[in-house]
Amino acid sequence: MKNRSSTLTPLLTPLLTPLLALSLLGGCASTKPVTQTTYDLGIPAPVSLLAADRAQTVVPAAIQPITVADVTSASWLDSQAMYFRLRYENDQQPRPYAHSRWSMPPPQLFEQRLKTRLAEAGGVVLSGADGAINIPMLRVDTADFSQRFSSAQQSDVQVSVRASVLNRRILVAQKIFTQVRPAATADAAGGVGALATAADAVIGDMMVWLAALPVKK
């Protein structure tokens, strides 16, 4: 006696083959390339607005010439990845966005912003490569530059840096600056806007601090 399934198989094969082909083609057609979005900190607002939410303001004439060393950071921040934390799951685990990234690592973005702000405020900004003598040096280390989700619908950002001023290799002053800002939307775009605002606030505080330092000998 013949097995019924073996009898039906030759009959079904011609029908299944085109159906399988259509299924595979449909799967290929539905696969779309993922778009990668690249961000920077945007165009800086006028320097006069830096201290708008604080009592102190920067006096341009008080900012002395200074050499800005390359801004450094922890290794996890030294890439173009854009990080966030899920505070309701594990606040100690920075996670990168899959389809959003920075145009350059955050330390470099912060360094560009810092130099621009100092120059706008009337300061003379030099780089370490200039090899200037008897000019105080500002070293900045980025401790945090990330978005933090308290829930799936709400997030804020934190920018935290350690600034050190050295004069002839002697430490003149050191201070940690931290700013937290709410994100307008709970996504990468909202985080970028808030990080730009927080970075500007940190730089504004740093400029007030620098202007008050007796760094020139």
Protein backbone atom coordinates (compact mmCIF):
# COMPACT_ATOMS: atom_id res chain seq x y z
CA MET A 1 0.00 0.00 0.00
CA LYS A 2 1.38 3.38 -0.96
CA ASN A 3 1.88 6.08 1.62
CA ARG A 4 -0.70 8.85 1.01
CA SER A 5 1.74 11.66 1.81
CA SER A 6 4.23 10.39 -0.73
CA THR A 7 1.45 10.39 -3.31
CA LEU A 8 0.45 13.99 -2.60
CA THR A 9 4.00 15.37 -2.53
CA PRO A 10 4.53 15.41 -6.33
CA LEU A 11 1.17 17.10 -6.74
CA LEU A 12 1.84 19.84 -4.15
CA THR A 13 5.43 20.60 -5.18
CA PRO A 14 4.57 22.64 -8.34
CA LEU A 15 2.12 24.71 -6.26
CA LEU A 16 4.42 25.27 -3.26
CA THR A 17 7.43 26.32 -5.31
CA PRO A 18 5.99 29.59 -6.69
CA LEU A 19 4.35 30.34 -3.32
CA LEU A 20 7.71 29.94 -1.58
CA ALA A 21 9.39 32.15 -4.16
CA LEU A 22 6.76 34.86 -3.69
CA SER A 23 7.18 34.65 0.08
CA LEU A 24 10.94 35.12 -0.20
CA LEU A 25 10.54 38.02 -2.62
CA GLY A 26 8.01 39.64 -0.32
CA GLY A 27 10.43 39.37 2.57
CA CYS A 28 13.19 41.00 0.54
CA ALA A 29 10.90 43.79 -0.64
CA SER A 30 9.85 44.66 2.91
CA THR A 31 13.45 45.05 4.10
CA LYS A 32 14.34 48.74 3.90
CA PRO A 33 17.78 50.23 4.56
CA VAL A 34 18.03 51.82 7.98
CA THR A 35 18.81 55.54 7.91
CA GLN A 36 21.58 56.70 10.21
CA THR A 37 21.04 60.18 11.67
CA THR A 38 24.09 62.27 12.54
CA TYR A 39 23.98 65.16 15.03
CA ASP A 40 26.21 67.95 16.32
CA LEU A 41 25.51 70.67 18.90
CA GLY A 42 24.03 73.08 16.37
CA ILE A 43 24.75 76.78 15.88
CA PRO A 44 25.73 78.47 19.16
CA ALA A 45 23.35 81.04 20.61
CA PRO A 46 24.76 84.55 21.27
CA VAL A 47 27.25 84.51 24.14
CA SER A 48 25.16 87.12 25.97
CA LEU A 49 22.52 84.45 26.56
CA LEU A 50 24.89 82.00 28.25
CA ALA A 51 24.22 83.32 31.74
CA ALA A 52 20.57 84.24 31.18
CA ASP A 53 19.40 81.86 33.91
CA ARG A 54 22.13 82.85 36.38
CA ALA A 55 22.93 86.02 38.30
CA GLN A 56 26.51 86.21 37.06
CA THR A 57 27.58 87.29 33.60
CA VAL A 58 30.89 87.09 31.81
CA VAL A 59 32.90 90.28 31.43
CA PRO A 60 34.78 89.90 28.09
CA ALA A 61 37.72 92.05 29.16
CA ALA A 62 38.32 89.80 32.19
CA ILE A 63 39.00 86.65 30.17
CA GLN A 64 42.75 86.34 29.85
CA PRO A 65 44.58 84.55 27.01
CA ILE A 66 44.52 80.82 27.61
CA THR A 67 45.66 77.64 25.91
CA VAL A 68 42.93 75.02 25.62
CA ALA A 69 44.33 71.50 25.64
CA ASP A 70 42.56 68.68 23.82
CA VAL A 71 39.44 67.78 25.80
CA THR A 72 39.65 64.23 27.10
CA SER A 73 37.08 61.77 28.41
CA ALA A 74 36.46 58.25 29.61
CA SER A 75 36.95 55.69 26.84
CA TRP A 76 33.23 54.96 26.48
CA LEU A 77 32.61 58.60 25.52
CA ASP A 78 35.50 58.80 23.06
CA SER A 79 33.51 57.69 20.01
CA GLN A 80 30.68 58.93 17.82
CA ALA A 81 28.15 56.78 19.67
CA MET A 82 25.26 58.63 21.32
CA TYR A 83 24.61 57.19 24.77
CA PHE A 84 21.57 57.01 27.01
CA ARG A 85 20.76 55.36 30.35
CA LEU A 86 17.54 53.68 31.49
CA ARG A 87 17.36 54.85 35.10
CA TYR A 88 14.32 52.66 35.73
CA GLU A 89 16.28 49.53 34.74
CA ASN A 90 20.02 50.02 35.25
CA ASP A 91 21.45 53.51 35.68
CA GLN A 92 24.98 52.11 35.58
CA GLN A 93 24.75 50.85 32.01
CA PRO A 94 25.30 53.39 29.20
CA ARG A 95 23.64 52.19 26.00
CA PRO A 96 24.24 53.53 22.48
CA TYR A 97 21.41 54.55 20.16
CA ALA A 98 21.28 52.14 17.24
CA HIS A 99 20.55 54.65 14.46
CA SER A 100 21.73 58.00 15.87
CA ARG A 101 25.30 59.17 16.27
CA TRP A 102 27.44 62.28 16.78
CA SER A 103 29.33 63.90 13.92
CA MET A 104 32.46 63.56 16.08
CA PRO A 105 33.12 62.31 19.64
CA PRO A 106 31.49 64.45 22.40
CA PRO A 107 34.88 65.65 23.79
CA GLN A 108 35.70 67.18 20.40
CA LEU A 109 32.25 68.74 20.08
CA PHE A 110 32.61 70.25 23.55
CA GLU A 111 36.12 71.53 22.76
CA GLN A 112 34.92 73.28 19.60
CA ARG A 113 32.05 74.87 21.50
CA LEU A 114 34.31 75.97 24.35
CA LYS A 115 36.85 77.63 22.06
CA THR A 116 34.10 79.40 20.14
CA ARG A 117 32.52 80.73 23.32
CA LEU A 118 35.83 81.95 24.75
CA ALA A 119 36.69 83.73 21.51
CA GLU A 120 33.21 85.32 21.30
CA ALA A 121 33.67 86.64 24.84
CA GLY A 122 36.83 88.46 23.83
CA GLY A 123 39.36 85.90 25.03
CA VAL A 124 42.49 84.89 23.13
CA VAL A 125 42.28 81.14 22.59
CA LEU A 126 45.32 79.04 21.71
CA SER A 127 45.74 75.32 21.18
CA GLY A 128 48.38 73.08 22.70
CA ALA A 129 50.01 72.77 19.28
CA ASP A 130 50.75 76.51 19.27
CA GLY A 131 53.41 76.00 21.93
CA ALA A 132 52.78 79.36 23.58
CA ILE A 133 55.05 80.18 26.54
CA ASN A 134 53.81 81.65 29.83
CA ILE A 135 50.17 81.29 28.83
CA PRO A 136 47.94 79.41 31.32
CA MET A 137 46.55 76.11 30.07
CA LEU A 138 42.99 74.87 30.51
CA ARG A 139 42.53 71.10 30.65
CA VAL A 140 39.02 69.66 30.50
CA ASP A 141 38.01 66.07 31.12
CA THR A 142 34.47 65.01 30.19
CA ALA A 143 32.92 62.77 32.83
CA ASP A 144 29.38 62.51 31.45
CA PHE A 145 27.62 63.56 28.28
CA SER A 146 24.49 61.43 28.06
CA GLN A 147 20.72 61.22 28.14
CA ARG A 148 18.90 59.61 31.07
CA PHE A 149 15.40 58.11 30.91
CA SER A 150 13.38 58.11 34.13
CA SER A 151 10.59 56.40 32.16
CA ALA A 152 9.88 55.50 28.56
CA GLN A 153 8.19 58.90 28.11
CA GLN A 154 10.49 61.23 30.07
CA SER A 155 14.21 61.96 30.00
CA ASP A 156 16.83 64.53 30.87
CA VAL A 157 20.52 64.95 30.09
CA GLN A 158 23.65 65.52 32.13
CA VAL A 159 26.90 67.19 31.11
CA SER A 160 29.68 66.95 33.67
CA VAL A 161 33.31 68.01 33.21
CA ARG A 162 36.39 68.56 35.35
CA ALA A 163 38.33 71.71 34.49
CA SER A 164 41.91 72.36 35.57
CA VAL A 165 43.99 75.49 35.01
CA LEU A 166 47.76 75.16 35.02
CA ASN A 167 50.37 77.89 34.88
CA ARG A 168 53.88 76.71 34.03
CA ARG A 169 52.75 73.16 34.94
CA ILE A 170 51.62 74.32 38.37
CA LEU A 171 47.97 73.65 39.19
CA VAL A 172 46.24 76.99 39.79
CA ALA A 173 42.66 75.79 40.25
CA GLN A 174 40.38 72.85 39.56
CA LYS A 175 36.61 72.55 39.59
CA ILE A 176 33.85 70.18 38.49
CA PHE A 177 30.98 71.66 36.47
CA THR A 178 27.68 69.82 36.06
CA GLN A 179 24.44 70.82 34.38
CA VAL A 180 21.21 68.84 34.01
CA ARG A 181 18.51 69.81 31.50
CA PRO A 182 15.16 68.20 30.60
CA ALA A 183 14.75 66.80 27.09
CA ALA A 184 11.82 68.14 25.09
CA THR A 185 11.14 64.67 23.69
CA ALA A 186 12.09 61.21 24.91
CA ASP A 187 14.26 60.33 21.91
CA ALA A 188 17.67 61.06 20.39
CA ALA A 189 16.62 64.41 18.89
CA GLY A 190 15.30 65.61 22.25
CA GLY A 191 18.50 64.49 23.92
CA VAL A 192 20.68 66.37 21.44
CA GLY A 193 18.84 69.66 21.99
CA ALA A 194 19.07 69.32 25.77
CA LEU A 195 22.76 68.34 25.63
CA ALA A 196 23.56 71.45 23.58
CA THR A 197 21.80 73.63 26.17
CA ALA A 198 23.52 71.86 29.07
CA ALA A 199 26.94 72.13 27.40
CA ASP A 200 26.44 75.87 26.89
CA ALA A 201 25.45 76.27 30.54
CA VAL A 202 28.59 74.40 31.67
CA ILE A 203 30.74 76.58 29.44
CA GLY A 204 29.06 79.71 30.76
CA ASP A 205 29.81 78.70 34.35
CA MET A 206 33.37 77.84 33.38
CA MET A 207 33.90 81.23 31.76
CA VAL A 208 32.73 83.03 34.91
CA TRP A 209 35.14 80.89 36.92
CA LEU A 210 38.04 81.54 34.54
CA ALA A 211 37.44 85.28 34.56
CA ALA A 212 37.76 85.32 38.36
CA LEU A 213 41.03 83.36 38.50
CA PRO A 214 44.31 85.24 39.11
CA VAL A 215 46.13 82.98 36.68
CA LYS A 216 48.56 85.48 35.15
CA LYS A 217 51.93 85.96 36.87
